[in-house]
N, C-alpha and C. Protein backbone atom coordinates (compact mmCIF):
# COMPACT_ATOMS: atom_id res chain seq x y z
N MET A 1 -11.24 -10.00 -13.93
CA MET A 1 -11.05 -8.81 -13.11
C MET A 1 -10.37 -9.11 -11.78
N PRO A 2 -10.68 -10.21 -11.08
CA PRO A 2 -10.00 -10.47 -9.82
C PRO A 2 -8.48 -10.58 -9.95
N ASP A 3 -7.99 -11.08 -11.10
CA ASP A 3 -6.55 -11.16 -11.28
C ASP A 3 -5.93 -9.77 -11.33
N ASP A 4 -6.63 -8.83 -11.95
CA ASP A 4 -6.15 -7.44 -11.98
C ASP A 4 -6.13 -6.86 -10.57
N LEU A 5 -7.16 -7.18 -9.80
CA LEU A 5 -7.22 -6.67 -8.43
C LEU A 5 -6.09 -7.26 -7.57
N LYS A 6 -5.84 -8.55 -7.75
CA LYS A 6 -4.77 -9.18 -6.99
C LYS A 6 -3.41 -8.61 -7.37
N ALA A 7 -3.22 -8.33 -8.65
CA ALA A 7 -1.97 -7.72 -9.10
C ALA A 7 -1.81 -6.33 -8.52
N ARG A 8 -2.90 -5.57 -8.51
CA ARG A 8 -2.85 -4.21 -7.93
C ARG A 8 -2.57 -4.28 -6.43
N GLN A 9 -3.18 -5.25 -5.77
CA GLN A 9 -2.96 -5.43 -4.34
C GLN A 9 -1.49 -5.74 -4.04
N LEU A 10 -0.90 -6.63 -4.81
CA LEU A 10 0.52 -6.95 -4.64
C LEU A 10 1.40 -5.73 -4.90
N HIS A 11 1.06 -4.97 -5.91
CA HIS A 11 1.82 -3.78 -6.26
C HIS A 11 1.78 -2.75 -5.13
N LEU A 12 0.59 -2.50 -4.60
CA LEU A 12 0.46 -1.51 -3.53
C LEU A 12 1.16 -1.98 -2.25
N ASN A 13 1.07 -3.27 -1.95
CA ASN A 13 1.79 -3.80 -0.79
C ASN A 13 3.29 -3.63 -0.98
N GLY A 14 3.77 -3.83 -2.20
CA GLY A 14 5.18 -3.65 -2.50
C GLY A 14 5.63 -2.21 -2.30
N ILE A 15 4.77 -1.27 -2.65
CA ILE A 15 5.10 0.14 -2.45
C ILE A 15 5.26 0.45 -0.96
N ILE A 16 4.35 -0.06 -0.15
CA ILE A 16 4.43 0.19 1.29
C ILE A 16 5.70 -0.44 1.87
N VAL A 17 6.01 -1.66 1.47
CA VAL A 17 7.22 -2.32 1.95
C VAL A 17 8.46 -1.56 1.48
N GLY A 18 8.45 -1.10 0.25
CA GLY A 18 9.58 -0.35 -0.29
C GLY A 18 9.79 0.96 0.45
N MET A 19 8.70 1.64 0.78
CA MET A 19 8.81 2.90 1.53
C MET A 19 9.40 2.65 2.91
N ALA A 20 9.01 1.56 3.54
CA ALA A 20 9.54 1.23 4.86
C ALA A 20 11.03 0.90 4.77
N GLY A 21 11.43 0.21 3.71
CA GLY A 21 12.84 -0.14 3.52
C GLY A 21 13.72 1.07 3.32
N VAL A 22 13.24 2.05 2.60
CA VAL A 22 14.00 3.27 2.35
C VAL A 22 14.19 4.05 3.65
N LYS A 23 13.15 4.08 4.47
CA LYS A 23 13.25 4.80 5.73
C LYS A 23 14.29 4.16 6.65
N LYS A 24 14.44 2.83 6.60
CA LYS A 24 15.43 2.16 7.44
C LYS A 24 16.84 2.46 6.96
N LEU A 25 17.02 2.63 5.66
CA LEU A 25 18.35 2.90 5.12
C LEU A 25 18.83 4.30 5.47
N ASN A 26 17.92 5.23 5.51
CA ASN A 26 18.27 6.61 5.78
C ASN A 26 17.92 6.92 7.24
N GLY A 27 18.92 6.96 8.10
CA GLY A 27 18.70 7.14 9.53
C GLY A 27 18.04 8.45 9.88
N ARG A 28 18.27 9.49 9.09
CA ARG A 28 17.67 10.78 9.39
C ARG A 28 16.22 10.86 8.94
N ALA A 29 15.77 9.89 8.18
CA ALA A 29 14.41 9.94 7.64
C ALA A 29 13.43 9.17 8.52
N ASN A 30 13.71 9.08 9.81
CA ASN A 30 12.82 8.34 10.70
C ASN A 30 11.50 9.06 10.94
N GLU A 31 11.46 10.36 10.71
CA GLU A 31 10.23 11.10 10.88
C GLU A 31 9.43 11.06 9.58
N SER A 32 8.17 10.73 9.71
CA SER A 32 7.30 10.70 8.53
C SER A 32 6.81 12.11 8.24
N THR A 33 6.85 12.47 6.97
CA THR A 33 6.30 13.76 6.58
C THR A 33 4.80 13.61 6.40
N LYS A 34 4.11 14.72 6.30
CA LYS A 34 2.67 14.68 6.10
C LYS A 34 2.32 14.02 4.77
N VAL A 35 3.14 14.28 3.76
CA VAL A 35 2.87 13.69 2.45
C VAL A 35 3.01 12.17 2.52
N GLU A 36 4.06 11.69 3.20
CA GLU A 36 4.24 10.24 3.34
C GLU A 36 3.08 9.62 4.10
N THR A 37 2.66 10.27 5.17
CA THR A 37 1.55 9.75 5.96
C THR A 37 0.27 9.71 5.13
N LEU A 38 0.00 10.77 4.39
CA LEU A 38 -1.21 10.79 3.55
C LEU A 38 -1.13 9.74 2.45
N THR A 39 0.06 9.57 1.87
CA THR A 39 0.24 8.57 0.82
C THR A 39 -0.01 7.17 1.35
N ILE A 40 0.58 6.86 2.48
CA ILE A 40 0.39 5.53 3.07
C ILE A 40 -1.07 5.31 3.44
N ASP A 41 -1.72 6.32 3.99
CA ASP A 41 -3.14 6.19 4.33
C ASP A 41 -3.99 5.96 3.08
N ALA A 42 -3.66 6.65 2.00
CA ALA A 42 -4.40 6.48 0.75
C ALA A 42 -4.19 5.08 0.18
N ILE A 43 -2.96 4.58 0.26
CA ILE A 43 -2.67 3.23 -0.24
C ILE A 43 -3.43 2.20 0.60
N LYS A 44 -3.44 2.38 1.91
CA LYS A 44 -4.15 1.44 2.78
C LYS A 44 -5.65 1.47 2.51
N ALA A 45 -6.20 2.65 2.24
CA ALA A 45 -7.62 2.75 1.91
C ALA A 45 -7.91 2.02 0.60
N GLU A 46 -7.02 2.17 -0.37
CA GLU A 46 -7.19 1.47 -1.65
C GLU A 46 -7.10 -0.04 -1.45
N LEU A 47 -6.19 -0.49 -0.59
CA LEU A 47 -6.07 -1.92 -0.29
C LEU A 47 -7.34 -2.45 0.37
N ASP A 48 -7.92 -1.68 1.27
CA ASP A 48 -9.18 -2.08 1.89
C ASP A 48 -10.29 -2.19 0.85
N PHE A 49 -10.34 -1.24 -0.07
CA PHE A 49 -11.34 -1.26 -1.14
C PHE A 49 -11.15 -2.49 -2.04
N ILE A 50 -9.91 -2.81 -2.35
CA ILE A 50 -9.62 -3.99 -3.17
C ILE A 50 -10.06 -5.25 -2.44
N ASP A 51 -9.81 -5.33 -1.12
CA ASP A 51 -10.25 -6.49 -0.35
C ASP A 51 -11.76 -6.68 -0.43
N VAL A 52 -12.49 -5.58 -0.34
CA VAL A 52 -13.96 -5.65 -0.43
C VAL A 52 -14.38 -6.16 -1.81
N GLN A 53 -13.73 -5.64 -2.85
CA GLN A 53 -14.07 -6.08 -4.20
C GLN A 53 -13.75 -7.55 -4.41
N LEU A 54 -12.61 -8.00 -3.89
CA LEU A 54 -12.24 -9.40 -4.05
C LEU A 54 -13.21 -10.31 -3.31
N LYS A 55 -13.62 -9.92 -2.11
CA LYS A 55 -14.58 -10.72 -1.36
C LYS A 55 -15.93 -10.78 -2.08
N ARG A 56 -16.31 -9.66 -2.67
CA ARG A 56 -17.58 -9.59 -3.39
C ARG A 56 -17.56 -10.51 -4.62
N LYS A 57 -16.41 -10.58 -5.28
CA LYS A 57 -16.30 -11.40 -6.48
C LYS A 57 -15.89 -12.84 -6.19
N GLY A 58 -15.66 -13.13 -4.90
CA GLY A 58 -15.32 -14.50 -4.51
C GLY A 58 -13.86 -14.85 -4.74
N GLY A 59 -12.98 -13.84 -4.79
CA GLY A 59 -11.58 -14.09 -5.09
C GLY A 59 -10.73 -14.19 -3.90
């Protein structure tokens, strides 16, 4: 199970990095929409939950 969690963690981190990269490419997209903000907050909450699970399992 920890390998699945680590894979999910990498995937979610990649999504956040990808979203930041797209915003840099599009100069007019410097303002975050509410949906983007909520999505990033949800991803960060999931990453925090994964960290807790990994620590609990010793990973």
